[in-house]
Amino acid sequence: MTITYEIQDCVLTDRFTAVCRGEVPVGDLRAWLAGSFHAVEAYLSGTGTAVTGPPFARLAFLDGMVVVEAGFPVRHEIAAAYPVQPSTLPDGPAVITTHVGRYEDLDKAYGAIRAWLDAHRYAPTGPHWEIYHDDPDTEPDTGHWRTDVIQPYRTTPRT
């Protein structure tokens, strides 16, 4: 089955976030994310801070490890309370696509983004992130999982 990805070119505005940060082996990522999302949710609930969107993870893969920050967007900067830290998602040009299905198949969405950037001669900048619209704990059918993939890029064309 061939999946076609619609690529949206947009300009993002920066957003405050509440996150946990870590460096974990790739195989431990899913469990680490679940624990981090729960920790951030508990912190936000305890402080009365409203979540303004679904959970996300900003990722950088390095030699079998993932440098990651995961959490939720919020209206204002939070105070740090280990393990939860304030952060932001950056502004600027980015491409977005939506993947429907298993997380193990997200590489296809990343391939579509790379192809779009190459076709426009743009270079990715900074870590990409994923926004998770469905909770695997409440939606067991992986065929329904929706994940947005966002990649910031530099507008100066590569030569």
C-alpha atoms as a PDB file:
ATOM      1  CA  MET A   1       0.000   0.000   0.000  1.00  0.00           C
ATOM      2  CA  THR A   2       1.384   3.397  -1.020  1.00  0.00           C
ATOM      3  CA  ILE A   3       0.733   6.297   1.316  1.00  0.00           C
ATOM      4  CA  THR A   4       0.548   9.799  -0.113  1.00  0.00           C
ATOM      5  CA  TYR A   5       1.483  12.645   2.203  1.00  0.00           C
ATOM      6  CA  GLU A   6       0.185  16.172   1.797  1.00  0.00           C
ATOM      7  CA  ILE A   7       2.953  18.613   2.707  1.00  0.00           C
ATOM      8  CA  GLN A   8       1.880  21.953   4.153  1.00  0.00           C
ATOM      9  CA  ASP A   9       4.322  24.848   4.007  1.00  0.00           C
ATOM     10  CA  CYS A  10       3.670  27.298   6.841  1.00  0.00           C
ATOM     11  CA  VAL A  11       5.180  29.903   9.127  1.00  0.00           C
ATOM     12  CA  LEU A  12       4.976  28.968  12.792  1.00  0.00           C
ATOM     13  CA  THR A  13       4.756  31.302  15.765  1.00  0.00           C
ATOM     14  CA  ASP A  14       6.698  30.348  18.875  1.00  0.00           C
ATOM     15  CA  ARG A  15       4.770  28.644  21.680  1.00  0.00           C
ATOM     16  CA  PHE A  16       5.490  28.100  25.344  1.00  0.00           C
ATOM     17  CA  THR A  17       5.718  24.472  26.409  1.00  0.00           C
ATOM     18  CA  ALA A  18       6.107  22.389  29.547  1.00  0.00           C
ATOM     19  CA  VAL A  19       8.449  19.439  28.940  1.00  0.00           C
ATOM     20  CA  CYS A  20      10.633  16.683  30.309  1.00  0.00           C
ATOM     21  CA  ARG A  21      14.056  16.326  28.677  1.00  0.00           C
ATOM     22  CA  GLY A  22      16.170  13.264  28.281  1.00  0.00           C
ATOM     23  CA  GLU A  23      18.594  11.200  26.260  1.00  0.00           C
ATOM     24  CA  VAL A  24      17.316   7.648  25.898  1.00  0.00           C
ATOM     25  CA  PRO A  25      18.042   4.572  23.798  1.00  0.00           C
ATOM     26  CA  VAL A  26      15.791   4.428  20.724  1.00  0.00           C
ATOM     27  CA  GLY A  27      14.181   1.201  21.984  1.00  0.00           C
ATOM     28  CA  ASP A  28      13.140   2.895  25.243  1.00  0.00           C
ATOM     29  CA  LEU A  29      11.604   5.979  23.629  1.00  0.00           C
ATOM     30  CA  ARG A  30       7.941   4.967  23.716  1.00  0.00           C
ATOM     31  CA  ALA A  31       8.003   4.107  27.443  1.00  0.00           C
ATOM     32  CA  TRP A  32      10.006   7.257  28.223  1.00  0.00           C
ATOM     33  CA  LEU A  33       7.474   9.395  26.336  1.00  0.00           C
ATOM     34  CA  ALA A  34       4.531   7.873  28.218  1.00  0.00           C
ATOM     35  CA  GLY A  35       6.195   8.560  31.582  1.00  0.00           C
ATOM     36  CA  SER A  36       7.130  12.095  30.562  1.00  0.00           C
ATOM     37  CA  PHE A  37       3.634  12.946  29.345  1.00  0.00           C
ATOM     38  CA  HIS A  38       2.200  11.699  32.645  1.00  0.00           C
ATOM     39  CA  ALA A  39       4.749  13.722  34.663  1.00  0.00           C
ATOM     40  CA  VAL A  40       3.994  16.921  32.735  1.00  0.00           C
ATOM     41  CA  GLU A  41       0.228  16.358  32.995  1.00  0.00           C
ATOM     42  CA  ALA A  42       0.531  15.904  36.779  1.00  0.00           C
ATOM     43  CA  TYR A  43       2.617  19.084  37.096  1.00  0.00           C
ATOM     44  CA  LEU A  44       0.192  21.122  34.977  1.00  0.00           C
ATOM     45  CA  SER A  45      -2.832  19.789  36.847  1.00  0.00           C
ATOM     46  CA  GLY A  46      -1.191  20.569  40.175  1.00  0.00           C
ATOM     47  CA  THR A  47      -0.411  24.145  39.148  1.00  0.00           C
ATOM     48  CA  GLY A  48      -3.736  24.777  37.417  1.00  0.00           C
ATOM     49  CA  THR A  49      -1.970  25.408  34.114  1.00  0.00           C
ATOM     50  CA  ALA A  50      -4.112  24.763  31.040  1.00  0.00           C
ATOM     51  CA  VAL A  51      -2.834  22.679  28.156  1.00  0.00           C
ATOM     52  CA  THR A  52      -3.362  24.409  24.791  1.00  0.00           C
ATOM     53  CA  GLY A  53      -2.796  21.452  22.468  1.00  0.00           C
ATOM     54  CA  PRO A  54      -1.964  17.772  22.160  1.00  0.00           C
ATOM     55  CA  PRO A  55       1.278  16.198  23.416  1.00  0.00           C
ATOM     56  CA  PHE A  56       4.422  16.478  21.316  1.00  0.00           C
ATOM     57  CA  ALA A  57       7.988  15.235  21.250  1.00  0.00           C
ATOM     58  CA  ARG A  58      10.930  17.122  19.723  1.00  0.00           C
ATOM     59  CA  LEU A  59      13.560  14.605  18.665  1.00  0.00           C
ATOM     60  CA  ALA A  60      17.163  14.315  17.524  1.00  0.00           C
ATOM     61  CA  PHE A  61      18.540  10.827  16.784  1.00  0.00           C
ATOM     62  CA  LEU A  62      22.230  10.210  17.498  1.00  0.00           C
ATOM     63  CA  ASP A  63      23.925   6.796  17.259  1.00  0.00           C
ATOM     64  CA  GLY A  64      21.096   4.673  18.680  1.00  0.00           C
ATOM     65  CA  MET A  65      20.105   7.343  21.183  1.00  0.00           C
ATOM     66  CA  VAL A  66      17.379   9.977  21.085  1.00  0.00           C
ATOM     67  CA  VAL A  67      17.794  13.440  22.563  1.00  0.00           C
ATOM     68  CA  VAL A  68      14.212  14.360  23.301  1.00  0.00           C
ATOM     69  CA  GLU A  69      11.960  16.832  24.987  1.00  0.00           C
ATOM     70  CA  ALA A  70       8.330  15.877  25.374  1.00  0.00           C
ATOM     71  CA  GLY A  71       5.341  17.615  26.822  1.00  0.00           C
ATOM     72  CA  PHE A  72       2.475  19.973  26.063  1.00  0.00           C
ATOM     73  CA  PRO A  73       1.995  23.517  24.769  1.00  0.00           C
ATOM     74  CA  VAL A  74       0.818  26.003  27.413  1.00  0.00           C
ATOM     75  CA  ARG A  75      -0.335  29.655  27.425  1.00  0.00           C
ATOM     76  CA  HIS A  76       2.564  31.100  29.428  1.00  0.00           C
ATOM     77  CA  GLU A  77       6.037  30.193  30.578  1.00  0.00           C
ATOM     78  CA  ILE A  78       5.982  27.799  33.526  1.00  0.00           C
ATOM     79  CA  ALA A  79       8.286  27.613  36.534  1.00  0.00           C
ATOM     80  CA  ALA A  80      10.655  24.648  36.526  1.00  0.00           C
ATOM     81  CA  ALA A  81       9.922  21.815  38.961  1.00  0.00           C
ATOM     82  CA  TYR A  82      12.024  18.726  38.280  1.00  0.00           C
ATOM     83  CA  PRO A  83      11.529  16.831  36.047  1.00  0.00           C
ATOM     84  CA  VAL A  84       9.288  19.387  34.279  1.00  0.00           C
ATOM     85  CA  GLN A  85      11.001  22.335  32.583  1.00  0.00           C
ATOM     86  CA  PRO A  86       9.870  25.364  30.560  1.00  0.00           C
ATOM     87  CA  SER A  87      10.651  25.400  26.853  1.00  0.00           C
ATOM     88  CA  THR A  88       9.310  26.747  23.562  1.00  0.00           C
ATOM     89  CA  LEU A  89       8.569  25.462  20.117  1.00  0.00           C
ATOM     90  CA  PRO A  90      10.244  27.831  17.634  1.00  0.00           C
ATOM     91  CA  ASP A  91       8.799  30.231  15.122  1.00  0.00           C
ATOM     92  CA  GLY A  92       9.668  30.415  11.452  1.00  0.00           C
ATOM     93  CA  PRO A  93       9.128  28.471   8.248  1.00  0.00           C
ATOM     94  CA  ALA A  94       8.287  24.793   8.571  1.00  0.00           C
ATOM     95  CA  VAL A  95       6.680  21.944   6.707  1.00  0.00           C
ATOM     96  CA  ILE A  96       4.015  19.744   8.242  1.00  0.00           C
ATOM     97  CA  THR A  97       2.518  16.454   7.199  1.00  0.00           C
ATOM     98  CA  THR A  98       0.133  14.062   8.928  1.00  0.00           C
ATOM     99  CA  HIS A  99       0.837  10.356   9.262  1.00  0.00           C
ATOM    100  CA  VAL A 100      -2.044   7.985   9.954  1.00  0.00           C
ATOM    101  CA  GLY A 101      -1.010   4.615  11.326  1.00  0.00           C
ATOM    102  CA  ARG A 102       1.672   2.949  13.386  1.00  0.00           C
ATOM    103  CA  TYR A 103       4.549   4.943  14.820  1.00  0.00           C
ATOM    104  CA  GLU A 104       6.908   2.380  13.283  1.00  0.00           C
ATOM    105  CA  ASP A 105       5.893   3.705   9.840  1.00  0.00           C
ATOM    106  CA  LEU A 106       6.628   7.377  10.547  1.00  0.00           C
ATOM    107  CA  ASP A 107       9.785   7.109   8.436  1.00  0.00           C
ATOM    108  CA  LYS A 108       7.510   7.384   5.371  1.00  0.00           C
ATOM    109  CA  ALA A 109       6.278  10.797   6.545  1.00  0.00           C
ATOM    110  CA  TYR A 110       9.858  11.884   7.144  1.00  0.00           C
ATOM    111  CA  GLY A 111      10.774  10.705   3.651  1.00  0.00           C
ATOM    112  CA  ALA A 112       7.988  12.811   2.150  1.00  0.00           C
ATOM    113  CA  ILE A 113       9.205  15.867   4.068  1.00  0.00           C
ATOM    114  CA  ARG A 114      12.821  15.294   2.959  1.00  0.00           C
ATOM    115  CA  ALA A 115      11.664  14.951  -0.657  1.00  0.00           C
ATOM    116  CA  TRP A 116       9.705  18.222  -0.441  1.00  0.00           C
ATOM    117  CA  LEU A 117      12.664  20.068   1.111  1.00  0.00           C
ATOM    118  CA  ASP A 118      15.027  18.652  -1.542  1.00  0.00           C
ATOM    119  CA  ALA A 119      12.646  19.609  -4.363  1.00  0.00           C
ATOM    120  CA  HIS A 120      12.541  23.192  -3.057  1.00  0.00           C
ATOM    121  CA  ARG A 121      16.274  23.187  -2.291  1.00  0.00           C
ATOM    122  CA  TYR A 122      15.683  24.038   1.390  1.00  0.00           C
ATOM    123  CA  ALA A 123      17.636  22.667   4.332  1.00  0.00           C
ATOM    124  CA  PRO A 124      16.090  21.453   7.591  1.00  0.00           C
ATOM    125  CA  THR A 125      17.036  23.460  10.674  1.00  0.00           C
ATOM    126  CA  GLY A 126      16.866  22.339  14.242  1.00  0.00           C
ATOM    127  CA  PRO A 127      15.144  19.268  15.578  1.00  0.00           C
ATOM    128  CA  HIS A 128      11.831  18.165  14.157  1.00  0.00           C
ATOM    129  CA  TRP A 129       8.859  17.284  16.331  1.00  0.00           C
ATOM    130  CA  GLU A 130       5.835  15.029  16.338  1.00  0.00           C
ATOM    131  CA  ILE A 131       2.368  15.930  17.629  1.00  0.00           C
ATOM    132  CA  TYR A 132       0.318  12.965  18.841  1.00  0.00           C
ATOM    133  CA  HIS A 133      -3.433  13.309  18.330  1.00  0.00           C
ATOM    134  CA  ASP A 134      -4.328   9.866  19.679  1.00  0.00           C
ATOM    135  CA  ASP A 135      -3.444   8.125  22.935  1.00  0.00           C
ATOM    136  CA  PRO A 136      -2.391   4.487  22.430  1.00  0.00           C
ATOM    137  CA  ASP A 137      -3.815   3.750  25.900  1.00  0.00           C
ATOM    138  CA  THR A 138      -7.322   4.762  24.801  1.00  0.00           C
ATOM    139  CA  GLU A 139      -7.137   4.013  21.043  1.00  0.00           C
ATOM    140  CA  PRO A 140      -5.691   0.528  20.562  1.00  0.00           C
ATOM    141  CA  ASP A 141      -6.247   0.495  16.765  1.00  0.00           C
ATOM    142  CA  THR A 142      -2.944   1.726  15.312  1.00  0.00           C
ATOM    143  CA  GLY A 143      -4.720   2.340  11.996  1.00  0.00           C
ATOM    144  CA  HIS A 144      -6.436   5.343  13.579  1.00  0.00           C
ATOM    145  CA  TRP A 145      -3.393   6.983  15.160  1.00  0.00           C
ATOM    146  CA  ARG A 146      -2.745  10.473  13.715  1.00  0.00           C
ATOM    147  CA  THR A 147       0.685  12.041  14.132  1.00  0.00           C
ATOM    148  CA  ASP A 148       1.723  15.403  12.708  1.00  0.00           C
ATOM    149  CA  VAL A 149       5.388  15.686  11.749  1.00  0.00           C
ATOM    150  CA  ILE A 150       6.840  19.199  11.765  1.00  0.00           C
ATOM    151  CA  GLN A 151      10.247  20.131  10.348  1.00  0.00           C
ATOM    152  CA  PRO A 152      11.553  23.723  10.496  1.00  0.00           C
ATOM    153  CA  TYR A 153      13.666  24.745   7.523  1.00  0.00           C
ATOM    154  CA  ARG A 154      15.964  27.489   6.316  1.00  0.00           C
ATOM    155  CA  THR A 155      14.450  29.635   3.572  1.00  0.00           C
ATOM    156  CA  THR A 156      17.784  30.390   1.926  1.00  0.00           C
ATOM    157  CA  PRO A 157      17.941  27.823  -0.882  1.00  0.00           C
ATOM    158  CA  ARG A 158      20.858  25.422  -0.910  1.00  0.00           C
ATOM    159  CA  THR A 159      23.243  25.856  -3.827  1.00  0.00           C
END
